[in-house]
Amino acid sequence: MYLICGFIGAGKTTFAKKLEEKTGAVRITKDEWSIRFIGNDPTIDGYEQWDQKICGFSRDVAFQLAEKGIDVIIDEGFWEKEQRDEMRRRADTIGAQAILYYVETPIETIRERVVGRNKTLTNDSFQISRKLLDTYLMYWQPPSEDEDYILAGEMK
């Protein structure tokens, strides 16, 4: 089981697609599911509740696949250490190994990417204002040195 960690605009999905191609694992990208069911505007009423439900459902599907021995990539972000720890614990309970890949990207690069993405918004990405990005940054907890992770750029 591969967990893809990184902030908005870091390149998580791009990395997850490369990992999918390399490993043959099933890729579950939560944002794709969220956009399909609730659209690409995270400021709409009820968005957070729906997003949490979709997140839970996508994780459940991922664990069902993993229990059957199918490699799975969970492209979700995992902004908080507690989320990452919980995923590792849950993987342990089914005998799966959780490998955390961290897509580390400087915040200024992220800002540039988000601004650029907003200008050419497609149906598969979110509209994120600078204000919303700054709000989300308050919740971002990059992996610490005491966590076991692989930098995405170091994938072999």
N, C-alpha and C. Protein backbone atom coordinates (compact mmCIF):
# COMPACT_ATOMS: atom_id res chain seq x y z
N MET A 1 0.85 -1.16 0.00
CA MET A 1 0.00 0.00 0.00
C MET A 1 0.90 1.23 0.00
N TYR A 2 0.65 2.11 -0.95
CA TYR A 2 1.44 3.33 -1.08
C TYR A 2 0.58 4.53 -0.68
N LEU A 3 1.08 5.33 0.23
CA LEU A 3 0.40 6.54 0.67
C LEU A 3 1.14 7.73 0.09
N ILE A 4 0.42 8.61 -0.60
CA ILE A 4 1.04 9.77 -1.22
C ILE A 4 0.72 11.00 -0.39
N CYS A 5 1.77 11.60 0.15
CA CYS A 5 1.65 12.74 1.06
C CYS A 5 2.22 13.98 0.39
N GLY A 6 1.51 15.08 0.53
CA GLY A 6 2.00 16.35 0.01
C GLY A 6 0.88 17.37 0.06
N PHE A 7 1.26 18.63 -0.08
CA PHE A 7 0.29 19.71 -0.01
C PHE A 7 -0.35 19.93 -1.38
N ILE A 8 -1.35 20.78 -1.42
CA ILE A 8 -2.04 21.15 -2.66
C ILE A 8 -1.00 21.61 -3.68
N GLY A 9 -1.11 21.13 -4.90
CA GLY A 9 -0.24 21.60 -5.97
C GLY A 9 1.19 21.08 -5.90
N ALA A 10 1.45 20.13 -5.02
CA ALA A 10 2.82 19.62 -4.86
C ALA A 10 3.22 18.69 -6.01
N GLY A 11 2.24 18.10 -6.67
CA GLY A 11 2.53 17.13 -7.72
C GLY A 11 2.21 15.70 -7.31
N LYS A 12 1.33 15.56 -6.32
CA LYS A 12 0.98 14.23 -5.80
C LYS A 12 0.38 13.32 -6.87
N THR A 13 -0.59 13.83 -7.59
CA THR A 13 -1.26 12.98 -8.57
C THR A 13 -0.34 12.64 -9.73
N THR A 14 0.48 13.59 -10.14
CA THR A 14 1.47 13.31 -11.19
C THR A 14 2.39 12.19 -10.73
N PHE A 15 2.86 12.28 -9.49
CA PHE A 15 3.72 11.23 -8.95
C PHE A 15 2.96 9.91 -8.83
N ALA A 16 1.72 9.97 -8.34
CA ALA A 16 0.92 8.75 -8.16
C ALA A 16 0.70 8.03 -9.50
N LYS A 17 0.50 8.79 -10.56
CA LYS A 17 0.32 8.18 -11.89
C LYS A 17 1.60 7.49 -12.34
N LYS A 18 2.75 8.09 -12.07
CA LYS A 18 4.03 7.46 -12.42
C LYS A 18 4.23 6.18 -11.61
N LEU A 19 3.88 6.24 -10.33
CA LEU A 19 4.00 5.06 -9.46
C LEU A 19 3.05 3.96 -9.93
N GLU A 20 1.86 4.35 -10.34
CA GLU A 20 0.88 3.40 -10.87
C GLU A 20 1.45 2.68 -12.10
N GLU A 21 2.03 3.46 -12.99
CA GLU A 21 2.61 2.89 -14.21
C GLU A 21 3.76 1.94 -13.87
N LYS A 22 4.58 2.34 -12.92
CA LYS A 22 5.75 1.53 -12.56
C LYS A 22 5.37 0.25 -11.83
N THR A 23 4.39 0.32 -10.93
CA THR A 23 4.08 -0.81 -10.05
C THR A 23 2.89 -1.65 -10.50
N GLY A 24 2.01 -1.06 -11.30
CA GLY A 24 0.78 -1.74 -11.67
C GLY A 24 -0.28 -1.69 -10.58
N ALA A 25 -0.01 -0.93 -9.52
CA ALA A 25 -0.96 -0.81 -8.41
C ALA A 25 -2.20 -0.03 -8.86
N VAL A 26 -3.30 -0.27 -8.17
CA VAL A 26 -4.53 0.48 -8.42
C VAL A 26 -4.39 1.84 -7.74
N ARG A 27 -4.63 2.90 -8.50
CA ARG A 27 -4.50 4.26 -7.96
C ARG A 27 -5.88 4.78 -7.57
N ILE A 28 -5.98 5.25 -6.33
CA ILE A 28 -7.21 5.89 -5.85
C ILE A 28 -6.85 7.32 -5.50
N THR A 29 -7.34 8.24 -6.31
CA THR A 29 -7.08 9.67 -6.11
C THR A 29 -8.36 10.31 -5.59
N LYS A 30 -8.33 10.65 -4.30
CA LYS A 30 -9.53 11.17 -3.65
C LYS A 30 -10.08 12.41 -4.35
N ASP A 31 -9.21 13.30 -4.81
CA ASP A 31 -9.70 14.52 -5.47
C ASP A 31 -10.52 14.19 -6.71
N GLU A 32 -10.13 13.17 -7.46
CA GLU A 32 -10.89 12.80 -8.65
C GLU A 32 -12.30 12.36 -8.25
N TRP A 33 -12.40 11.61 -7.16
CA TRP A 33 -13.71 11.16 -6.69
C TRP A 33 -14.52 12.36 -6.20
N SER A 34 -13.89 13.24 -5.44
CA SER A 34 -14.60 14.41 -4.90
C SER A 34 -15.13 15.29 -6.02
N ILE A 35 -14.29 15.56 -7.01
CA ILE A 35 -14.72 16.41 -8.12
C ILE A 35 -15.87 15.75 -8.88
N ARG A 36 -15.79 14.47 -9.06
CA ARG A 36 -16.84 13.77 -9.79
C ARG A 36 -18.19 13.86 -9.08
N PHE A 37 -18.17 13.79 -7.75
CA PHE A 37 -19.42 13.77 -7.00
C PHE A 37 -19.90 15.14 -6.52
N ILE A 38 -18.97 16.06 -6.22
CA ILE A 38 -19.41 17.35 -5.67
C ILE A 38 -18.87 18.57 -6.42
N GLY A 39 -18.10 18.36 -7.45
CA GLY A 39 -17.60 19.47 -8.24
C GLY A 39 -16.25 19.98 -7.75
N ASN A 40 -15.75 21.02 -8.43
CA ASN A 40 -14.39 21.49 -8.14
C ASN A 40 -14.32 22.81 -7.38
N ASP A 41 -15.39 23.14 -6.68
CA ASP A 41 -15.39 24.35 -5.85
C ASP A 41 -15.45 23.96 -4.38
N PRO A 42 -14.29 24.00 -3.69
CA PRO A 42 -14.28 23.57 -2.29
C PRO A 42 -14.92 24.56 -1.32
N THR A 43 -15.48 25.66 -1.84
CA THR A 43 -16.11 26.63 -0.95
C THR A 43 -17.63 26.46 -0.88
N ILE A 44 -18.19 25.51 -1.63
CA ILE A 44 -19.65 25.34 -1.61
C ILE A 44 -20.10 24.80 -0.25
N ASP A 45 -21.34 25.12 0.10
CA ASP A 45 -21.90 24.63 1.36
C ASP A 45 -21.89 23.11 1.40
N GLY A 46 -21.45 22.57 2.50
CA GLY A 46 -21.45 21.13 2.69
C GLY A 46 -20.25 20.41 2.10
N TYR A 47 -19.34 21.16 1.47
CA TYR A 47 -18.21 20.51 0.80
C TYR A 47 -17.41 19.63 1.77
N GLU A 48 -17.07 20.19 2.93
CA GLU A 48 -16.21 19.44 3.86
C GLU A 48 -16.84 18.13 4.30
N GLN A 49 -18.15 18.15 4.55
CA GLN A 49 -18.83 16.93 4.99
C GLN A 49 -18.80 15.87 3.88
N TRP A 50 -19.09 16.30 2.64
CA TRP A 50 -19.06 15.36 1.52
C TRP A 50 -17.65 14.86 1.28
N ASP A 51 -16.68 15.76 1.37
CA ASP A 51 -15.29 15.38 1.14
C ASP A 51 -14.84 14.34 2.16
N GLN A 52 -15.24 14.51 3.41
CA GLN A 52 -14.88 13.54 4.45
C GLN A 52 -15.51 12.17 4.17
N LYS A 53 -16.75 12.18 3.71
CA LYS A 53 -17.42 10.92 3.39
C LYS A 53 -16.72 10.21 2.22
N ILE A 54 -16.37 10.99 1.21
CA ILE A 54 -15.69 10.43 0.05
C ILE A 54 -14.32 9.90 0.45
N CYS A 55 -13.64 10.64 1.31
CA CYS A 55 -12.33 10.22 1.81
C CYS A 55 -12.46 8.88 2.53
N GLY A 56 -13.42 8.77 3.41
CA GLY A 56 -13.63 7.52 4.14
C GLY A 56 -13.96 6.37 3.22
N PHE A 57 -14.82 6.63 2.24
CA PHE A 57 -15.21 5.58 1.30
C PHE A 57 -14.02 5.15 0.45
N SER A 58 -13.24 6.11 -0.05
CA SER A 58 -12.10 5.76 -0.89
C SER A 58 -11.07 4.96 -0.10
N ARG A 59 -10.88 5.30 1.16
CA ARG A 59 -9.96 4.53 2.01
C ARG A 59 -10.49 3.11 2.23
N ASP A 60 -11.80 2.99 2.45
CA ASP A 60 -12.39 1.66 2.64
C ASP A 60 -12.16 0.79 1.40
N VAL A 61 -12.37 1.37 0.23
CA VAL A 61 -12.13 0.63 -1.01
C VAL A 61 -10.67 0.22 -1.11
N ALA A 62 -9.77 1.14 -0.79
CA ALA A 62 -8.33 0.84 -0.84
C ALA A 62 -7.98 -0.32 0.08
N PHE A 63 -8.54 -0.32 1.28
CA PHE A 63 -8.23 -1.40 2.22
C PHE A 63 -8.86 -2.72 1.80
N GLN A 64 -10.02 -2.68 1.17
CA GLN A 64 -10.61 -3.91 0.65
C GLN A 64 -9.70 -4.52 -0.42
N LEU A 65 -9.17 -3.68 -1.28
CA LEU A 65 -8.24 -4.17 -2.31
C LEU A 65 -6.98 -4.73 -1.67
N ALA A 66 -6.43 -4.00 -0.71
CA ALA A 66 -5.19 -4.44 -0.05
C ALA A 66 -5.39 -5.77 0.67
N GLU A 67 -6.56 -5.95 1.29
CA GLU A 67 -6.85 -7.21 1.98
C GLU A 67 -6.84 -8.39 1.01
N LYS A 68 -7.15 -8.12 -0.25
CA LYS A 68 -7.15 -9.17 -1.27
C LYS A 68 -5.78 -9.32 -1.93
N GLY A 69 -4.78 -8.60 -1.39
CA GLY A 69 -3.43 -8.71 -1.91
C GLY A 69 -3.15 -7.84 -3.12
N ILE A 70 -4.03 -6.90 -3.40
CA ILE A 70 -3.86 -6.01 -4.54
C ILE A 70 -3.14 -4.75 -4.07
N ASP A 71 -2.04 -4.41 -4.75
CA ASP A 71 -1.32 -3.19 -4.41
C ASP A 71 -2.18 -1.98 -4.75
N VAL A 72 -2.17 -1.01 -3.86
CA VAL A 72 -3.01 0.17 -4.04
C VAL A 72 -2.22 1.43 -3.69
N ILE A 73 -2.49 2.48 -4.43
CA ILE A 73 -1.90 3.80 -4.20
C ILE A 73 -3.02 4.70 -3.71
N ILE A 74 -2.86 5.27 -2.53
CA ILE A 74 -3.85 6.20 -2.01
C ILE A 74 -3.28 7.60 -2.14
N ASP A 75 -3.77 8.32 -3.13
CA ASP A 75 -3.33 9.68 -3.46
C ASP A 75 -4.30 10.64 -2.79
N GLU A 76 -3.93 11.03 -1.58
CA GLU A 76 -4.87 11.81 -0.77
C GLU A 76 -4.27 13.06 -0.14
N GLY A 77 -3.00 13.10 0.08
CA GLY A 77 -2.37 14.25 0.71
C GLY A 77 -1.85 13.96 2.10
N PHE A 78 -2.70 13.37 2.94
CA PHE A 78 -2.31 13.03 4.31
C PHE A 78 -1.58 14.19 4.97
N TRP A 79 -2.30 15.29 5.13
CA TRP A 79 -1.73 16.54 5.66
C TRP A 79 -1.32 16.44 7.12
N GLU A 80 -1.98 15.59 7.88
CA GLU A 80 -1.73 15.54 9.32
C GLU A 80 -1.04 14.25 9.71
N LYS A 81 -0.11 14.37 10.65
CA LYS A 81 0.64 13.20 11.13
C LYS A 81 -0.30 12.12 11.65
N GLU A 82 -1.33 12.52 12.37
CA GLU A 82 -2.27 11.54 12.92
C GLU A 82 -2.92 10.72 11.81
N GLN A 83 -3.23 11.35 10.67
CA GLN A 83 -3.80 10.60 9.54
C GLN A 83 -2.81 9.55 9.04
N ARG A 84 -1.56 9.96 8.92
CA ARG A 84 -0.53 9.03 8.43
C ARG A 84 -0.33 7.88 9.40
N ASP A 85 -0.29 8.20 10.70
CA ASP A 85 -0.14 7.16 11.71
C ASP A 85 -1.32 6.19 11.69
N GLU A 86 -2.52 6.73 11.56
CA GLU A 86 -3.72 5.89 11.52
C GLU A 86 -3.70 4.95 10.31
N MET A 87 -3.27 5.46 9.17
CA MET A 87 -3.21 4.61 7.98
C MET A 87 -2.19 3.49 8.16
N ARG A 88 -1.08 3.79 8.79
CA ARG A 88 -0.07 2.75 9.05
C ARG A 88 -0.63 1.69 10.00
N ARG A 89 -1.31 2.15 11.06
CA ARG A 89 -1.91 1.21 12.01
C ARG A 89 -2.95 0.32 11.32
N ARG A 90 -3.78 0.96 10.52
CA ARG A 90 -4.83 0.21 9.83
C ARG A 90 -4.23 -0.81 8.86
N ALA A 91 -3.18 -0.42 8.17
CA ALA A 91 -2.50 -1.34 7.25
C ALA A 91 -1.93 -2.53 8.02
N ASP A 92 -1.34 -2.24 9.18
CA ASP A 92 -0.79 -3.32 10.02
C ASP A 92 -1.85 -4.34 10.40
N THR A 93 -3.07 -3.87 10.67
CA THR A 93 -4.12 -4.79 11.12
C THR A 93 -4.53 -5.78 10.04
N ILE A 94 -4.27 -5.45 8.77
CA ILE A 94 -4.62 -6.38 7.69
C ILE A 94 -3.38 -7.05 7.10
N GLY A 95 -2.23 -6.80 7.73
CA GLY A 95 -1.00 -7.42 7.26
C GLY A 95 -0.40 -6.77 6.03
N ALA A 96 -0.78 -5.53 5.77
CA ALA A 96 -0.23 -4.80 4.62
C ALA A 96 0.88 -3.87 5.08
N GLN A 97 1.79 -3.58 4.18
CA GLN A 97 2.84 -2.62 4.47
C GLN A 97 2.44 -1.28 3.87
N ALA A 98 2.45 -0.24 4.70
CA ALA A 98 2.14 1.11 4.22
C ALA A 98 3.46 1.84 3.96
N ILE A 99 3.68 2.21 2.71
CA ILE A 99 4.88 2.95 2.32
C ILE A 99 4.45 4.38 2.03
N LEU A 100 5.01 5.32 2.78
CA LEU A 100 4.66 6.73 2.63
C LEU A 100 5.65 7.41 1.70
N TYR A 101 5.14 7.96 0.61
CA TYR A 101 5.93 8.80 -0.27
C TYR A 101 5.55 10.25 -0.01
N TYR A 102 6.55 11.07 0.20
CA TYR A 102 6.34 12.50 0.45
C TYR A 102 6.76 13.29 -0.78
N VAL A 103 5.79 13.99 -1.36
CA VAL A 103 6.06 14.85 -2.51
C VAL A 103 6.37 16.23 -1.94
N GLU A 104 7.64 16.49 -1.72
CA GLU A 104 8.08 17.73 -1.09
C GLU A 104 8.24 18.81 -2.17
N THR A 105 7.57 19.92 -1.97
CA THR A 105 7.59 21.02 -2.93
C THR A 105 7.59 22.33 -2.17
N PRO A 106 8.48 23.26 -2.54
CA PRO A 106 8.51 24.56 -1.85
C PRO A 106 7.16 25.29 -1.97
N ILE A 107 6.79 25.99 -0.92
CA ILE A 107 5.50 26.69 -0.88
C ILE A 107 5.37 27.69 -2.03
N GLU A 108 6.43 28.39 -2.37
CA GLU A 108 6.34 29.35 -3.48
C GLU A 108 6.03 28.65 -4.80
N THR A 109 6.60 27.48 -5.01
CA THR A 109 6.30 26.70 -6.21
C THR A 109 4.83 26.28 -6.20
N ILE A 110 4.35 25.88 -5.04
CA ILE A 110 2.94 25.50 -4.90
C ILE A 110 2.04 26.68 -5.24
N ARG A 111 2.36 27.85 -4.71
CA ARG A 111 1.56 29.05 -5.00
C ARG A 111 1.51 29.31 -6.51
N GLU A 112 2.66 29.23 -7.16
CA GLU A 112 2.73 29.46 -8.61
C GLU A 112 1.88 28.43 -9.36
N ARG A 113 1.98 27.18 -8.97
CA ARG A 113 1.21 26.13 -9.64
C ARG A 113 -0.29 26.33 -9.46
N VAL A 114 -0.70 26.69 -8.25
CA VAL A 114 -2.13 26.87 -7.99
C VAL A 114 -2.67 28.05 -8.79
N VAL A 115 -1.93 29.14 -8.83
CA VAL A 115 -2.35 30.31 -9.63
C VAL A 115 -2.47 29.91 -11.10
N GLY A 116 -1.48 29.19 -11.60
CA GLY A 116 -1.50 28.74 -12.99
C GLY A 116 -2.65 27.78 -13.26
N ARG A 117 -2.88 26.88 -12.34
CA ARG A 117 -3.96 25.91 -12.50
C ARG A 117 -5.32 26.61 -12.50
N ASN A 118 -5.46 27.63 -11.67
CA ASN A 118 -6.72 28.37 -11.62
C ASN A 118 -7.01 29.07 -12.95
N LYS A 119 -5.96 29.52 -13.63
CA LYS A 119 -6.15 30.23 -14.90
C LYS A 119 -6.61 29.29 -16.01
N THR A 120 -6.21 28.05 -15.93
CA THR A 120 -6.56 27.08 -16.97
C THR A 120 -7.33 25.91 -16.36
N LEU A 121 -8.24 26.23 -15.48
CA LEU A 121 -8.97 25.21 -14.72
C LEU A 121 -9.68 24.22 -15.63
N THR A 122 -9.44 22.95 -15.35
CA THR A 122 -10.13 21.88 -16.06
C THR A 122 -11.08 21.20 -15.09
N ASN A 123 -11.82 20.24 -15.59
CA ASN A 123 -12.80 19.55 -14.75
C ASN A 123 -12.18 18.61 -13.73
N ASP A 124 -10.86 18.41 -13.81
CA ASP A 124 -10.23 17.46 -12.89
C ASP A 124 -9.34 18.12 -11.84
N SER A 125 -9.53 19.42 -11.63
CA SER A 125 -8.76 20.09 -10.58
C SER A 125 -9.64 21.12 -9.87
N PHE A 126 -9.22 21.47 -8.67
CA PHE A 126 -10.00 22.38 -7.84
C PHE A 126 -9.62 23.84 -8.08
N GLN A 127 -10.60 24.71 -7.94
CA GLN A 127 -10.38 26.15 -7.91
C GLN A 127 -9.98 26.50 -6.48
N ILE A 128 -8.75 26.93 -6.27
CA ILE A 128 -8.25 27.26 -4.94
C ILE A 128 -7.75 28.70 -4.95
N SER A 129 -8.42 29.57 -4.22
CA SER A 129 -7.98 30.97 -4.13
C SER A 129 -6.74 31.06 -3.25
N ARG A 130 -6.03 32.17 -3.36
CA ARG A 130 -4.84 32.36 -2.52
C ARG A 130 -5.24 32.37 -1.04
N LYS A 131 -6.38 33.00 -0.74
CA LYS A 131 -6.85 33.04 0.64
C LYS A 131 -7.13 31.63 1.17
N LEU A 132 -7.79 30.82 0.36
CA LEU A 132 -8.10 29.45 0.77
C LEU A 132 -6.81 28.63 0.91
N LEU A 133 -5.87 28.83 0.00
CA LEU A 133 -4.58 28.14 0.09
C LEU A 133 -3.88 28.49 1.40
N ASP A 134 -3.89 29.77 1.75
CA ASP A 134 -3.27 30.20 3.01
C ASP A 134 -3.98 29.61 4.22
N THR A 135 -5.30 29.49 4.14
CA THR A 135 -6.06 28.86 5.23
C THR A 135 -5.67 27.39 5.36
N TYR A 136 -5.61 26.69 4.24
CA TYR A 136 -5.24 25.28 4.26
C TYR A 136 -3.83 25.07 4.79
N LEU A 137 -2.94 26.02 4.53
CA LEU A 137 -1.56 25.90 5.01
C LEU A 137 -1.48 25.77 6.53
N MET A 138 -2.46 26.33 7.22
CA MET A 138 -2.47 26.23 8.68
C MET A 138 -2.64 24.78 9.16
N TYR A 139 -3.19 23.94 8.30
CA TYR A 139 -3.44 22.54 8.66
C TYR A 139 -2.35 21.58 8.18
N TRP A 140 -1.44 22.08 7.39
CA TRP A 140 -0.41 21.24 6.77
C TRP A 140 0.69 20.89 7.76
N GLN A 141 0.93 19.61 7.93
CA GLN A 141 2.00 19.09 8.79
C GLN A 141 2.89 18.18 7.95
N PRO A 142 3.99 18.73 7.42
CA PRO A 142 4.87 17.87 6.62
C PRO A 142 5.43 16.74 7.48
N PRO A 143 5.76 15.62 6.87
CA PRO A 143 6.34 14.53 7.65
C PRO A 143 7.60 14.99 8.39
N SER A 144 7.73 14.52 9.61
CA SER A 144 8.89 14.89 10.44
C SER A 144 9.97 13.82 10.32
N GLU A 145 11.13 14.15 10.85
CA GLU A 145 12.27 13.22 10.76
C GLU A 145 11.99 11.89 11.45
N ASP A 146 11.10 11.88 12.43
CA ASP A 146 10.82 10.63 13.14
C ASP A 146 9.82 9.73 12.41
N GLU A 147 9.29 10.21 11.29
CA GLU A 147 8.38 9.40 10.49
C GLU A 147 9.17 8.66 9.42
N ASP A 148 8.68 7.49 9.08
CA ASP A 148 9.30 6.69 8.04
C ASP A 148 8.66 7.07 6.70
N TYR A 149 9.44 7.69 5.82
CA TYR A 149 8.91 8.07 4.51
C TYR A 149 10.03 8.07 3.47
N ILE A 150 9.61 8.09 2.22
CA ILE A 150 10.54 8.19 1.09
C ILE A 150 10.19 9.46 0.35
N LEU A 151 11.19 10.27 0.04
CA LEU A 151 10.94 11.45 -0.79
C LEU A 151 10.57 10.96 -2.19
N ALA A 152 9.51 11.51 -2.74
CA ALA A 152 9.01 11.05 -4.03
C ALA A 152 10.08 11.14 -5.12
N GLY A 153 10.94 12.12 -5.05
CA GLY A 153 12.00 12.26 -6.04
C GLY A 153 13.04 11.16 -5.97
N GLU A 154 13.01 10.38 -4.90
CA GLU A 154 13.99 9.30 -4.72
C GLU A 154 13.43 7.93 -5.09
N MET A 155 12.27 7.91 -5.76
CA MET A 155 11.68 6.64 -6.18
C MET A 155 12.62 5.96 -7.17
N LYS A 156 12.86 4.70 -6.94
CA LYS A 156 13.76 3.95 -7.83
C LYS A 156 12.96 3.18 -8.84
